[in-house]
Amino acid sequence: VSVDAEAITLHPAIWRERRILWEDIEAVDVYPLLPSVDEEVSRKFAVGKRNYRPASGIMLVIPGLGWQYRIAGFFAGANTRPVIALTNRAHADYDTLLRKVLTATDPAIHSDDLLDEVSR
C-alpha cells in the first residue's frame, strides 16, 4: 500500500492497483487474525527477545472492493464486508502507516479497541 493526503492506494500482487479515498473507508478496527505471543515462540527465538515485537494490525472496512476482500472480511469477523489488513508483519514502517491511517480517517469510524492497538 501507499498513502497520500487524499487516499490509500492498494498495490496487490495479482489484481490491478486501486485508489481508495479516505472518506470511502467505512470502519477501522483491530485485525483479529494475527498470532498471539504464545504462538510465536520460533519467531521470538529467531529475532531474539530484545528485537521481538508482538504481531499487531488493523483492518479497514471498504465497501465496493471485490469478492477477494469480502472473503478476507468473512474470516476477520466483518461478515461479508470487504476488508484490507495492515500489519507490522507485512508492512515496513507499520507505525508510520498506522498513524497516517488514524489521522486521515474520521475518528468516529475507529473501533474502541484501537486505543489498545495504538498504545502497544
PDB file of N, CA and C in Angstrom:
ATOM      1  N   VAL A   1       0.839  -1.184   0.000  1.00  0.00           N
ATOM      2  CA  VAL A   1       0.000   0.000   0.000  1.00  0.00           C
ATOM      3  C   VAL A   1       0.879   1.241   0.000  1.00  0.00           C
ATOM      4  N   SER A   2       0.307   2.310  -0.495  1.00  0.00           N
ATOM      5  CA  SER A   2       0.933   3.622  -0.365  1.00  0.00           C
ATOM      6  C   SER A   2      -0.159   4.599   0.032  1.00  0.00           C
ATOM      7  N   VAL A   3       0.240   5.668   0.690  1.00  0.00           N
ATOM      8  CA  VAL A   3      -0.739   6.641   1.177  1.00  0.00           C
ATOM      9  C   VAL A   3      -0.318   8.049   0.783  1.00  0.00           C
ATOM     10  N   ASP A   4      -1.323   8.905   0.639  1.00  0.00           N
ATOM     11  CA  ASP A   4      -1.086  10.325   0.462  1.00  0.00           C
ATOM     12  C   ASP A   4      -2.193  11.064   1.200  1.00  0.00           C
ATOM     13  N   ALA A   5      -2.276  12.346   1.050  1.00  0.00           N
ATOM     14  CA  ALA A   5      -3.245  13.147   1.805  1.00  0.00           C
ATOM     15  C   ALA A   5      -4.685  12.807   1.483  1.00  0.00           C
ATOM     16  N   GLU A   6      -4.966  12.347   0.264  1.00  0.00           N
ATOM     17  CA  GLU A   6      -6.353  12.096  -0.150  1.00  0.00           C
ATOM     18  C   GLU A   6      -6.779  10.637  -0.101  1.00  0.00           C
ATOM     19  N   ALA A   7      -5.815   9.708  -0.166  1.00  0.00           N
ATOM     20  CA  ALA A   7      -6.217   8.319  -0.363  1.00  0.00           C
ATOM     21  C   ALA A   7      -5.140   7.327   0.068  1.00  0.00           C
ATOM     22  N   ILE A   8      -5.580   6.073   0.129  1.00  0.00           N
ATOM     23  CA  ILE A   8      -4.682   4.935   0.280  1.00  0.00           C
ATOM     24  C   ILE A   8      -4.762   4.168  -1.042  1.00  0.00           C
ATOM     25  N   THR A   9      -3.633   3.742  -1.551  1.00  0.00           N
ATOM     26  CA  THR A   9      -3.606   3.014  -2.813  1.00  0.00           C
ATOM     27  C   THR A   9      -3.148   1.587  -2.556  1.00  0.00           C
ATOM     28  N   LEU A  10      -3.944   0.638  -3.015  1.00  0.00           N
ATOM     29  CA  LEU A  10      -3.607  -0.776  -2.888  1.00  0.00           C
ATOM     30  C   LEU A  10      -2.803  -1.197  -4.101  1.00  0.00           C
ATOM     31  N   HIS A  11      -1.740  -1.932  -3.873  1.00  0.00           N
ATOM     32  CA  HIS A  11      -0.892  -2.456  -4.941  1.00  0.00           C
ATOM     33  C   HIS A  11      -0.828  -3.979  -4.804  1.00  0.00           C
ATOM     34  N   PRO A  12      -1.913  -4.682  -5.118  1.00  0.00           N
ATOM     35  CA  PRO A  12      -1.910  -6.140  -4.951  1.00  0.00           C
ATOM     36  C   PRO A  12      -1.008  -6.831  -5.972  1.00  0.00           C
ATOM     37  N   ALA A  13      -0.548  -8.002  -5.604  1.00  0.00           N
ATOM     38  CA  ALA A  13       0.344  -8.755  -6.489  1.00  0.00           C
ATOM     39  C   ALA A  13      -0.385  -9.268  -7.731  1.00  0.00           C
ATOM     40  N   ILE A  14      -1.655  -9.588  -7.606  1.00  0.00           N
ATOM     41  CA  ILE A  14      -2.375 -10.205  -8.717  1.00  0.00           C
ATOM     42  C   ILE A  14      -3.323  -9.241  -9.416  1.00  0.00           C
ATOM     43  N   TRP A  15      -4.130  -8.530  -8.659  1.00  0.00           N
ATOM     44  CA  TRP A  15      -5.148  -7.664  -9.262  1.00  0.00           C
ATOM     45  C   TRP A  15      -4.593  -6.282  -9.547  1.00  0.00           C
ATOM     46  N   ARG A  16      -5.416  -5.467 -10.158  1.00  0.00           N
ATOM     47  CA  ARG A  16      -4.958  -4.130 -10.540  1.00  0.00           C
ATOM     48  C   ARG A  16      -4.891  -3.205  -9.324  1.00  0.00           C
ATOM     49  N   GLU A  17      -4.086  -2.185  -9.476  1.00  0.00           N
ATOM     50  CA  GLU A  17      -3.943  -1.160  -8.443  1.00  0.00           C
ATOM     51  C   GLU A  17      -5.298  -0.486  -8.209  1.00  0.00           C
ATOM     52  N   ARG A  18      -5.548  -0.105  -6.969  1.00  0.00           N
ATOM     53  CA  ARG A  18      -6.833   0.525  -6.635  1.00  0.00           C
ATOM     54  C   ARG A  18      -6.603   1.665  -5.657  1.00  0.00           C
ATOM     55  N   ARG A  19      -7.117   2.831  -5.969  1.00  0.00           N
ATOM     56  CA  ARG A  19      -7.009   4.014  -5.103  1.00  0.00           C
ATOM     57  C   ARG A  19      -8.326   4.187  -4.352  1.00  0.00           C
ATOM     58  N   ILE A  20      -8.235   4.334  -3.032  1.00  0.00           N
ATOM     59  CA  ILE A  20      -9.419   4.463  -2.190  1.00  0.00           C
ATOM     60  C   ILE A  20      -9.309   5.754  -1.386  1.00  0.00           C
ATOM     61  N   LEU A  21     -10.266   6.622  -1.571  1.00  0.00           N
ATOM     62  CA  LEU A  21     -10.283   7.882  -0.823  1.00  0.00           C
ATOM     63  C   LEU A  21     -10.504   7.594   0.658  1.00  0.00           C
ATOM     64  N   TRP A  22      -9.914   8.413   1.508  1.00  0.00           N
ATOM     65  CA  TRP A  22     -10.042   8.202   2.945  1.00  0.00           C
ATOM     66  C   TRP A  22     -11.503   8.193   3.383  1.00  0.00           C
ATOM     67  N   GLU A  23     -12.311   9.062   2.780  1.00  0.00           N
ATOM     68  CA  GLU A  23     -13.718   9.128   3.197  1.00  0.00           C
ATOM     69  C   GLU A  23     -14.530   7.913   2.749  1.00  0.00           C
ATOM     70  N   ASP A  24     -13.979   7.073   1.877  1.00  0.00           N
ATOM     71  CA  ASP A  24     -14.666   5.859   1.439  1.00  0.00           C
ATOM     72  C   ASP A  24     -14.478   4.688   2.402  1.00  0.00           C
ATOM     73  N   ILE A  25     -13.647   4.865   3.389  1.00  0.00           N
ATOM     74  CA  ILE A  25     -13.417   3.815   4.383  1.00  0.00           C
ATOM     75  C   ILE A  25     -14.551   3.874   5.407  1.00  0.00           C
ATOM     76  N   GLU A  26     -15.210   2.754   5.597  1.00  0.00           N
ATOM     77  CA  GLU A  26     -16.385   2.675   6.467  1.00  0.00           C
ATOM     78  C   GLU A  26     -16.028   2.473   7.935  1.00  0.00           C
ATOM     79  N   ALA A  27     -14.963   1.721   8.209  1.00  0.00           N
ATOM     80  CA  ALA A  27     -14.584   1.435   9.594  1.00  0.00           C
ATOM     81  C   ALA A  27     -13.104   1.094   9.677  1.00  0.00           C
ATOM     82  N   VAL A  28     -12.518   1.378  10.827  1.00  0.00           N
ATOM     83  CA  VAL A  28     -11.142   0.998  11.137  1.00  0.00           C
ATOM     84  C   VAL A  28     -11.207   0.225  12.445  1.00  0.00           C
ATOM     85  N   ASP A  29     -10.693  -1.013  12.418  1.00  0.00           N
ATOM     86  CA  ASP A  29     -10.811  -1.885  13.577  1.00  0.00           C
ATOM     87  C   ASP A  29      -9.513  -2.670  13.751  1.00  0.00           C
ATOM     88  N   VAL A  30      -9.367  -3.316  14.892  1.00  0.00           N
ATOM     89  CA  VAL A  30      -8.221  -4.180  15.148  1.00  0.00           C
ATOM     90  C   VAL A  30      -8.352  -5.422  14.278  1.00  0.00           C
ATOM     91  N   TYR A  31      -7.253  -5.847  13.663  1.00  0.00           N
ATOM     92  CA  TYR A  31      -7.256  -7.045  12.833  1.00  0.00           C
ATOM     93  C   TYR A  31      -7.072  -8.257  13.745  1.00  0.00           C
ATOM     94  N   PRO A  32      -8.074  -9.141  13.807  1.00  0.00           N
ATOM     95  CA  PRO A  32      -8.038 -10.235  14.785  1.00  0.00           C
ATOM     96  C   PRO A  32      -7.270 -11.489  14.357  1.00  0.00           C
ATOM     97  N   LEU A  33      -6.835 -11.584  13.118  1.00  0.00           N
ATOM     98  CA  LEU A  33      -6.245 -12.833  12.630  1.00  0.00           C
ATOM     99  C   LEU A  33      -4.722 -12.873  12.724  1.00  0.00           C
ATOM    100  N   LEU A  34      -4.183 -12.344  13.793  1.00  0.00           N
ATOM    101  CA  LEU A  34      -2.733 -12.359  13.989  1.00  0.00           C
ATOM    102  C   LEU A  34      -2.377 -13.333  15.101  1.00  0.00           C
ATOM    103  N   PRO A  35      -1.195 -13.922  15.033  1.00  0.00           N
ATOM    104  CA  PRO A  35      -0.802 -14.874  16.077  1.00  0.00           C
ATOM    105  C   PRO A  35      -0.557 -14.157  17.405  1.00  0.00           C
ATOM    106  N   SER A  36      -0.849 -14.853  18.492  1.00  0.00           N
ATOM    107  CA  SER A  36      -0.569 -14.310  19.822  1.00  0.00           C
ATOM    108  C   SER A  36       0.918 -14.505  20.134  1.00  0.00           C
ATOM    109  N   VAL A  37       1.360 -13.887  21.195  1.00  0.00           N
ATOM    110  CA  VAL A  37       2.764 -14.016  21.608  1.00  0.00           C
ATOM    111  C   VAL A  37       3.099 -15.481  21.859  1.00  0.00           C
ATOM    112  N   ASP A  38       2.181 -16.231  22.449  1.00  0.00           N
ATOM    113  CA  ASP A  38       2.414 -17.651  22.738  1.00  0.00           C
ATOM    114  C   ASP A  38       2.556 -18.488  21.471  1.00  0.00           C
ATOM    115  N   GLU A  39       1.991 -18.044  20.376  1.00  0.00           N
ATOM    116  CA  GLU A  39       2.061 -18.782  19.117  1.00  0.00           C
ATOM    117  C   GLU A  39       3.304 -18.439  18.300  1.00  0.00           C
ATOM    118  N   GLU A  40       4.091 -17.517  18.778  1.00  0.00           N
ATOM    119  CA  GLU A  40       5.263 -17.084  18.014  1.00  0.00           C
ATOM    120  C   GLU A  40       6.582 -17.417  18.709  1.00  0.00           C
ATOM    121  N   VAL A  41       6.639 -18.567  19.304  1.00  0.00           N
ATOM    122  CA  VAL A  41       7.840 -18.979  20.022  1.00  0.00           C
ATOM    123  C   VAL A  41       9.041 -19.022  19.084  1.00  0.00           C
ATOM    124  N   SER A  42       8.888 -19.628  17.916  1.00  0.00           N
ATOM    125  CA  SER A  42      10.029 -19.736  16.996  1.00  0.00           C
ATOM    126  C   SER A  42      10.440 -18.370  16.450  1.00  0.00           C
ATOM    127  N   ARG A  43       9.481 -17.486  16.202  1.00  0.00           N
ATOM    128  CA  ARG A  43       9.828 -16.139  15.726  1.00  0.00           C
ATOM    129  C   ARG A  43      10.603 -15.386  16.810  1.00  0.00           C
ATOM    130  N   LYS A  44      10.130 -15.495  18.037  1.00  0.00           N
ATOM    131  CA  LYS A  44      10.805 -14.817  19.151  1.00  0.00           C
ATOM    132  C   LYS A  44      12.240 -15.325  19.290  1.00  0.00           C
ATOM    133  N   PHE A  45      12.415 -16.628  19.113  1.00  0.00           N
ATOM    134  CA  PHE A  45      13.757 -17.215  19.182  1.00  0.00           C
ATOM    135  C   PHE A  45      14.624 -16.715  18.029  1.00  0.00           C
ATOM    136  N   ALA A  46      14.053 -16.651  16.822  1.00  0.00           N
ATOM    137  CA  ALA A  46      14.811 -16.259  15.633  1.00  0.00           C
ATOM    138  C   ALA A  46      15.278 -14.805  15.678  1.00  0.00           C
ATOM    139  N   VAL A  47      14.430 -13.910  16.151  1.00  0.00           N
ATOM    140  CA  VAL A  47      14.807 -12.488  16.161  1.00  0.00           C
ATOM    141  C   VAL A  47      15.414 -12.058  17.489  1.00  0.00           C
ATOM    142  N   GLY A  48      15.260 -12.867  18.510  1.00  0.00           N
ATOM    143  CA  GLY A  48      15.785 -12.533  19.830  1.00  0.00           C
ATOM    144  C   GLY A  48      14.756 -11.781  20.655  1.00  0.00           C
ATOM    145  N   LYS A  49      14.820 -11.984  21.970  1.00  0.00           N
ATOM    146  CA  LYS A  49      13.842 -11.348  22.857  1.00  0.00           C
ATOM    147  C   LYS A  49      13.878  -9.831  22.760  1.00  0.00           C
ATOM    148  N   ARG A  50      15.039  -9.271  22.628  1.00  0.00           N
ATOM    149  CA  ARG A  50      15.180  -7.808  22.593  1.00  0.00           C
ATOM    150  C   ARG A  50      14.544  -7.206  21.341  1.00  0.00           C
ATOM    151  N   ASN A  51      14.632  -7.885  20.205  1.00  0.00           N
ATOM    152  CA  ASN A  51      14.117  -7.363  18.940  1.00  0.00           C
ATOM    153  C   ASN A  51      12.685  -7.802  18.631  1.00  0.00           C
ATOM    154  N   TYR A  52      12.150  -8.702  19.432  1.00  0.00           N
ATOM    155  CA  TYR A  52      10.805  -9.219  19.159  1.00  0.00           C
ATOM    156  C   TYR A  52       9.745  -8.169  19.474  1.00  0.00           C
ATOM    157  N   ARG A  53       8.791  -8.029  18.543  1.00  0.00           N
ATOM    158  CA  ARG A  53       7.597  -7.198  18.760  1.00  0.00           C
ATOM    159  C   ARG A  53       6.387  -8.069  18.483  1.00  0.00           C
ATOM    160  N   PRO A  54       5.397  -8.050  19.371  1.00  0.00           N
ATOM    161  CA  PRO A  54       4.191  -8.847  19.115  1.00  0.00           C
ATOM    162  C   PRO A  54       3.518  -8.408  17.815  1.00  0.00           C
ATOM    163  N   ALA A  55       2.851  -9.344  17.180  1.00  0.00           N
ATOM    164  CA  ALA A  55       2.117  -9.042  15.956  1.00  0.00           C
ATOM    165  C   ALA A  55       0.983  -8.074  16.273  1.00  0.00           C
ATOM    166  N   SER A  56       0.811  -7.067  15.418  1.00  0.00           N
ATOM    167  CA  SER A  56      -0.302  -6.133  15.590  1.00  0.00           C
ATOM    168  C   SER A  56      -0.755  -5.669  14.215  1.00  0.00           C
ATOM    169  N   GLY A  57      -2.014  -5.262  14.151  1.00  0.00           N
ATOM    170  CA  GLY A  57      -2.528  -4.813  12.871  1.00  0.00           C
ATOM    171  C   GLY A  57      -3.928  -4.245  12.976  1.00  0.00           C
ATOM    172  N   ILE A  58      -4.314  -3.575  11.914  1.00  0.00           N
ATOM    173  CA  ILE A  58      -5.657  -3.015  11.816  1.00  0.00           C
ATOM    174  C   ILE A  58      -6.282  -3.494  10.513  1.00  0.00           C
ATOM    175  N   MET A  59      -7.591  -3.407  10.460  1.00  0.00           N
ATOM    176  CA  MET A  59      -8.271  -3.708   9.202  1.00  0.00           C
ATOM    177  C   MET A  59      -9.164  -2.526   8.852  1.00  0.00           C
ATOM    178  N   LEU A  60      -9.220  -2.253   7.573  1.00  0.00           N
ATOM    179  CA  LEU A  60     -10.049  -1.180   7.048  1.00  0.00           C
ATOM    180  C   LEU A  60     -11.214  -1.807   6.302  1.00  0.00           C
ATOM    181  N   VAL A  61     -12.425  -1.457   6.685  1.00  0.00           N
ATOM    182  CA  VAL A  61     -13.625  -1.935   6.002  1.00  0.00           C
ATOM    183  C   VAL A  61     -13.915  -0.946   4.881  1.00  0.00           C
ATOM    184  N   ILE A  62     -13.899  -1.459   3.650  1.00  0.00           N
ATOM    185  CA  ILE A  62     -14.022  -0.592   2.477  1.00  0.00           C
ATOM    186  C   ILE A  62     -15.085  -1.152   1.531  1.00  0.00           C
ATOM    187  N   PRO A  63     -16.304  -0.600   1.575  1.00  0.00           N
ATOM    188  CA  PRO A  63     -17.344  -1.055   0.649  1.00  0.00           C
ATOM    189  C   PRO A  63     -16.903  -0.829  -0.796  1.00  0.00           C
ATOM    190  N   GLY A  64     -17.334  -1.689  -1.656  1.00  0.00           N
ATOM    191  CA  GLY A  64     -17.007  -1.517  -3.070  1.00  0.00           C
ATOM    192  C   GLY A  64     -15.810  -2.316  -3.544  1.00  0.00           C
ATOM    193  N   LEU A  65     -15.058  -2.909  -2.625  1.00  0.00           N
ATOM    194  CA  LEU A  65     -13.952  -3.762  -3.053  1.00  0.00           C
ATOM    195  C   LEU A  65     -14.504  -5.106  -3.497  1.00  0.00           C
ATOM    196  N   GLY A  66     -13.713  -5.847  -4.233  1.00  0.00           N
ATOM    197  CA  GLY A  66     -14.141  -7.104  -4.841  1.00  0.00           C
ATOM    198  C   GLY A  66     -14.322  -8.267  -3.886  1.00  0.00           C
ATOM    199  N   TRP A  67     -14.714  -9.395  -4.467  1.00  0.00           N
ATOM    200  CA  TRP A  67     -15.037 -10.601  -3.708  1.00  0.00           C
ATOM    201  C   TRP A  67     -13.865 -11.096  -2.864  1.00  0.00           C
ATOM    202  N   GLN A  68     -12.639 -10.959  -3.360  1.00  0.00           N
ATOM    203  CA  GLN A  68     -11.492 -11.458  -2.609  1.00  0.00           C
ATOM    204  C   GLN A  68     -11.344 -10.734  -1.273  1.00  0.00           C
ATOM    205  N   TYR A  69     -11.738  -9.479  -1.229  1.00  0.00           N
ATOM    206  CA  TYR A  69     -11.680  -8.707   0.007  1.00  0.00           C
ATOM    207  C   TYR A  69     -12.856  -9.062   0.920  1.00  0.00           C
ATOM    208  N   ARG A  70     -13.955  -9.525   0.340  1.00  0.00           N
ATOM    209  CA  ARG A  70     -15.099  -9.992   1.137  1.00  0.00           C
ATOM    210  C   ARG A  70     -14.755 -11.300   1.835  1.00  0.00           C
ATOM    211  N   ILE A  71     -13.983 -12.143   1.173  1.00  0.00           N
ATOM    212  CA  ILE A  71     -13.542 -13.393   1.805  1.00  0.00           C
ATOM    213  C   ILE A  71     -12.676 -13.063   3.027  1.00  0.00           C
ATOM    214  N   ALA A  72     -11.764 -12.126   2.869  1.00  0.00           N
ATOM    215  CA  ALA A  72     -10.929 -11.690   3.994  1.00  0.00           C
ATOM    216  C   ALA A  72     -11.796 -11.150   5.121  1.00  0.00           C
ATOM    217  N   GLY A  73     -12.830 -10.383   4.779  1.00  0.00           N
ATOM    218  CA  GLY A  73     -13.739  -9.841   5.778  1.00  0.00           C
ATOM    219  C   GLY A  73     -14.483 -10.934   6.525  1.00  0.00           C
ATOM    220  N   PHE A  74     -14.882 -11.972   5.810  1.00  0.00           N
ATOM    221  CA  PHE A  74     -15.578 -13.091   6.441  1.00  0.00           C
ATOM    222  C   PHE A  74     -14.697 -13.730   7.513  1.00  0.00           C
ATOM    223  N   PHE A  75     -13.448 -14.022   7.170  1.00  0.00           N
ATOM    224  CA  PHE A  75     -12.551 -14.673   8.120  1.00  0.00           C
ATOM    225  C   PHE A  75     -12.120 -13.749   9.252  1.00  0.00           C
ATOM    226  N   ALA A  76     -12.142 -12.447   9.012  1.00  0.00           N
ATOM    227  CA  ALA A  76     -11.742 -11.484  10.041  1.00  0.00           C
ATOM    228  C   ALA A  76     -12.900 -11.059  10.940  1.00  0.00           C
ATOM    229  N   GLY A  77     -14.081 -11.628  10.718  1.00  0.00           N
ATOM    230  CA  GLY A  77     -15.215 -11.323  11.570  1.00  0.00           C
ATOM    231  C   GLY A  77     -16.022 -10.105  11.148  1.00  0.00           C
ATOM    232  N   ALA A  78     -15.839  -9.660   9.911  1.00  0.00           N
ATOM    233  CA  ALA A  78     -16.582  -8.494   9.410  1.00  0.00           C
ATOM    234  C   ALA A  78     -17.764  -8.933   8.553  1.00  0.00           C
ATOM    235  N   ASN A  79     -18.223 -10.162   8.766  1.00  0.00           N
ATOM    236  CA  ASN A  79     -19.285 -10.766   7.952  1.00  0.00           C
ATOM    237  C   ASN A  79     -18.803 -10.835   6.508  1.00  0.00           C
ATOM    238  N   THR A  80     -19.549 -10.272   5.580  1.00  0.00           N
ATOM    239  CA  THR A  80     -19.077 -10.299   4.192  1.00  0.00           C
ATOM    240  C   THR A  80     -18.681  -8.911   3.712  1.00  0.00           C
ATOM    241  N   ARG A  81     -18.417  -8.014   4.660  1.00  0.00           N
ATOM    242  CA  ARG A  81     -17.936  -6.684   4.266  1.00  0.00           C
ATOM    243  C   ARG A  81     -16.477  -6.807   3.839  1.00  0.00           C
ATOM    244  N   PRO A  82     -16.094  -6.134   2.763  1.00  0.00           N
ATOM    245  CA  PRO A  82     -14.715  -6.237   2.281  1.00  0.00           C
ATOM    246  C   PRO A  82     -13.736  -5.498   3.199  1.00  0.00           C
ATOM    247  N   VAL A  83     -12.598  -6.128   3.471  1.00  0.00           N
ATOM    248  CA  VAL A  83     -11.575  -5.525   4.321  1.00  0.00           C
ATOM    249  C   VAL A  83     -10.191  -5.686   3.708  1.00  0.00           C
ATOM    250  N   ILE A  84      -9.310  -4.800   4.108  1.00  0.00           N
ATOM    251  CA  ILE A  84      -7.877  -4.993   3.889  1.00  0.00           C
ATOM    252  C   ILE A  84      -7.228  -4.927   5.257  1.00  0.00           C
ATOM    253  N   ALA A  85      -6.149  -5.634   5.419  1.00  0.00           N
ATOM    254  CA  ALA A  85      -5.426  -5.641   6.691  1.00  0.00           C
ATOM    255  C   ALA A  85      -4.070  -4.977   6.510  1.00  0.00           C
ATOM    256  N   LEU A  86      -3.687  -4.221   7.505  1.00  0.00           N
ATOM    257  CA  LEU A  86      -2.371  -3.592   7.560  1.00  0.00           C
ATOM    258  C   LEU A  86      -1.723  -4.077   8.847  1.00  0.00           C
ATOM    259  N   THR A  87      -0.590  -4.775   8.737  1.00  0.00           N
ATOM    260  CA  THR A  87       0.034  -5.363   9.929  1.00  0.00           C
ATOM    261  C   THR A  87       1.522  -5.049   9.979  1.00  0.00           C
ATOM    262  N   ASN A  88       2.074  -5.178  11.175  1.00  0.00           N
ATOM    263  CA  ASN A  88       3.509  -4.966  11.319  1.00  0.00           C
ATOM    264  C   ASN A  88       4.316  -6.149  10.789  1.00  0.00           C
ATOM    265  N   ARG A  89       3.663  -7.222  10.408  1.00  0.00           N
ATOM    266  CA  ARG A  89       4.342  -8.365   9.804  1.00  0.00           C
ATOM    267  C   ARG A  89       4.456  -8.224   8.285  1.00  0.00           C
ATOM    268  N   ALA A  90       3.553  -7.457   7.679  1.00  0.00           N
ATOM    269  CA  ALA A  90       3.527  -7.355   6.222  1.00  0.00           C
ATOM    270  C   ALA A  90       3.911  -5.976   5.696  1.00  0.00           C
ATOM    271  N   HIS A  91       3.983  -4.979   6.552  1.00  0.00           N
ATOM    272  CA  HIS A  91       4.232  -3.612   6.088  1.00  0.00           C
ATOM    273  C   HIS A  91       5.424  -3.003   6.819  1.00  0.00           C
ATOM    274  N   ALA A  92       6.435  -2.652   6.053  1.00  0.00           N
ATOM    275  CA  ALA A  92       7.585  -1.959   6.628  1.00  0.00           C
ATOM    276  C   ALA A  92       7.111  -0.600   7.125  1.00  0.00           C
ATOM    277  N   ASP A  93       7.662  -0.135   8.207  1.00  0.00           N
ATOM    278  CA  ASP A  93       7.296   1.149   8.794  1.00  0.00           C
ATOM    279  C   ASP A  93       5.808   1.195   9.152  1.00  0.00           C
ATOM    280  N   TYR A  94       5.351   0.115   9.761  1.00  0.00           N
ATOM    281  CA  TYR A  94       3.942  -0.025  10.140  1.00  0.00           C
ATOM    282  C   TYR A  94       3.476   1.105  11.056  1.00  0.00           C
ATOM    283  N   ASP A  95       4.311   1.514  11.997  1.00  0.00           N
ATOM    284  CA  ASP A  95       3.896   2.554  12.948  1.00  0.00           C
ATOM    285  C   ASP A  95       3.552   3.860  12.242  1.00  0.00           C
ATOM    286  N   THR A  96       4.336   4.235  11.250  1.00  0.00           N
ATOM    287  CA  THR A  96       4.056   5.442  10.477  1.00  0.00           C
ATOM    288  C   THR A  96       2.768   5.271   9.678  1.00  0.00           C
ATOM    289  N   LEU A  97       2.595   4.110   9.073  1.00  0.00           N
ATOM    290  CA  LEU A  97       1.380   3.818   8.312  1.00  0.00           C
ATOM    291  C   LEU A  97       0.154   3.880   9.224  1.00  0.00           C
ATOM    292  N   LEU A  98       0.247   3.301  10.399  1.00  0.00           N
ATOM    293  CA  LEU A  98      -0.859   3.311  11.353  1.00  0.00           C
ATOM    294  C   LEU A  98      -1.237   4.743  11.727  1.00  0.00           C
ATOM    295  N   ARG A  99      -0.246   5.559  12.062  1.00  0.00           N
ATOM    296  CA  ARG A  99      -0.529   6.953  12.417  1.00  0.00           C
ATOM    297  C   ARG A  99      -1.188   7.699  11.269  1.00  0.00           C
ATOM    298  N   LYS A 100      -0.715   7.463  10.047  1.00  0.00           N
ATOM    299  CA  LYS A 100      -1.287   8.133   8.880  1.00  0.00           C
ATOM    300  C   LYS A 100      -2.750   7.734   8.683  1.00  0.00           C
ATOM    301  N   VAL A 101      -3.056   6.452   8.786  1.00  0.00           N
ATOM    302  CA  VAL A 101      -4.433   5.982   8.622  1.00  0.00           C
ATOM    303  C   VAL A 101      -5.325   6.587   9.700  1.00  0.00           C
ATOM    304  N   LEU A 102      -4.857   6.589  10.934  1.00  0.00           N
ATOM    305  CA  LEU A 102      -5.687   7.093  12.024  1.00  0.00           C
ATOM    306  C   LEU A 102      -5.899   8.600  11.951  1.00  0.00           C
ATOM    307  N   THR A 103      -4.941   9.333  11.434  1.00  0.00           N
ATOM    308  CA  THR A 103      -5.135  10.782  11.311  1.00  0.00           C
ATOM    309  C   THR A 103      -5.932  11.135  10.062  1.00  0.00           C
ATOM    310  N   ALA A 104      -5.846  10.310   9.023  1.00  0.00           N
ATOM    311  CA  ALA A 104      -6.544  10.616   7.769  1.00  0.00           C
ATOM    312  C   ALA A 104      -8.006  10.191   7.780  1.00  0.00           C
ATOM    313  N   THR A 105      -8.362   9.260   8.642  1.00  0.00           N
ATOM    314  CA  THR A 105      -9.754   8.790   8.703  1.00  0.00           C
ATOM    315  C   THR A 105     -10.493   9.473   9.848  1.00  0.00           C
ATOM    316  N   ASP A 106     -11.794   9.512   9.722  1.00  0.00           N
ATOM    317  CA  ASP A 106     -12.658  10.133  10.726  1.00  0.00           C
ATOM    318  C   ASP A 106     -12.614   9.321  12.024  1.00  0.00           C
ATOM    319  N   PRO A 107     -12.286   9.931  13.157  1.00  0.00           N
ATOM    320  CA  PRO A 107     -12.249   9.183  14.424  1.00  0.00           C
ATOM    321  C   PRO A 107     -13.580   8.508  14.781  1.00  0.00           C
ATOM    322  N   ALA A 108     -14.680   8.977  14.241  1.00  0.00           N
ATOM    323  CA  ALA A 108     -15.982   8.364  14.523  1.00  0.00           C
ATOM    324  C   ALA A 108     -16.074   6.942  13.979  1.00  0.00           C
ATOM    325  N   ILE A 109     -15.245   6.585  12.993  1.00  0.00           N
ATOM    326  CA  ILE A 109     -15.294   5.233  12.431  1.00  0.00           C
ATOM    327  C   ILE A 109     -14.262   4.304  13.067  1.00  0.00           C
ATOM    328  N   HIS A 110     -13.488   4.798  14.027  1.00  0.00           N
ATOM    329  CA  HIS A 110     -12.479   3.983  14.695  1.00  0.00           C
ATOM    330  C   HIS A 110     -13.121   3.138  15.785  1.00  0.00           C
ATOM    331  N   SER A 111     -12.743   1.898  15.841  1.00  0.00           N
ATOM    332  CA  SER A 111     -13.218   0.984  16.877  1.00  0.00           C
ATOM    333  C   SER A 111     -12.654   1.410  18.235  1.00  0.00           C
ATOM    334  N   ASP A 112     -13.406   1.125  19.291  1.00  0.00           N
ATOM    335  CA  ASP A 112     -12.921   1.414  20.638  1.00  0.00           C
ATOM    336  C   ASP A 112     -11.674   0.601  20.965  1.00  0.00           C
ATOM    337  N   ASP A 113     -11.528  -0.575  20.359  1.00  0.00           N
ATOM    338  CA  ASP A 113     -10.371  -1.436  20.609  1.00  0.00           C
ATOM    339  C   ASP A 113      -9.075  -0.870  20.022  1.00  0.00           C
ATOM    340  N   LEU A 114      -9.167   0.110  19.153  1.00  0.00           N
ATOM    341  CA  LEU A 114      -7.961   0.677  18.545  1.00  0.00           C
ATOM    342  C   LEU A 114      -7.075   1.376  19.559  1.00  0.00           C
ATOM    343  N   LEU A 115      -7.632   1.890  20.609  1.00  0.00           N
ATOM    344  CA  LEU A 115      -6.838   2.549  21.640  1.00  0.00           C
ATOM    345  C   LEU A 115      -5.777   1.602  22.181  1.00  0.00           C
ATOM    346  N   ASP A 116      -6.165   0.338  22.422  1.00  0.00           N
ATOM    347  CA  ASP A 116      -5.203  -0.663  22.892  1.00  0.00           C
ATOM    348  C   ASP A 116      -4.149  -0.934  21.824  1.00  0.00           C
ATOM    349  N   GLU A 117      -4.560  -1.005  20.577  1.00  0.00           N
ATOM    350  CA  GLU A 117      -3.648  -1.284  19.466  1.00  0.00           C
ATOM    351  C   GLU A 117      -2.613  -0.161  19.324  1.00  0.00           C
ATOM    352  N   VAL A 118      -3.054   1.055  19.424  1.00  0.00           N
ATOM    353  CA  VAL A 118      -2.170   2.205  19.238  1.00  0.00           C
ATOM    354  C   VAL A 118      -1.187   2.325  20.402  1.00  0.00           C
ATOM    355  N   SER A 119      -1.604   1.942  21.583  1.00  0.00           N
ATOM    356  CA  SER A 119      -0.733   2.091  22.757  1.00  0.00           C
ATOM    357  C   SER A 119       0.320   0.997  22.858  1.00  0.00           C
ATOM    358  N   ARG A 120       0.279  -0.022  22.006  1.00  0.00           N
ATOM    359  CA  ARG A 120       1.279  -1.113  22.052  1.00  0.00           C
ATOM    360  C   ARG A 120       2.643  -0.618  21.690  1.00  0.00           C
TER     361      ARG A 120
END
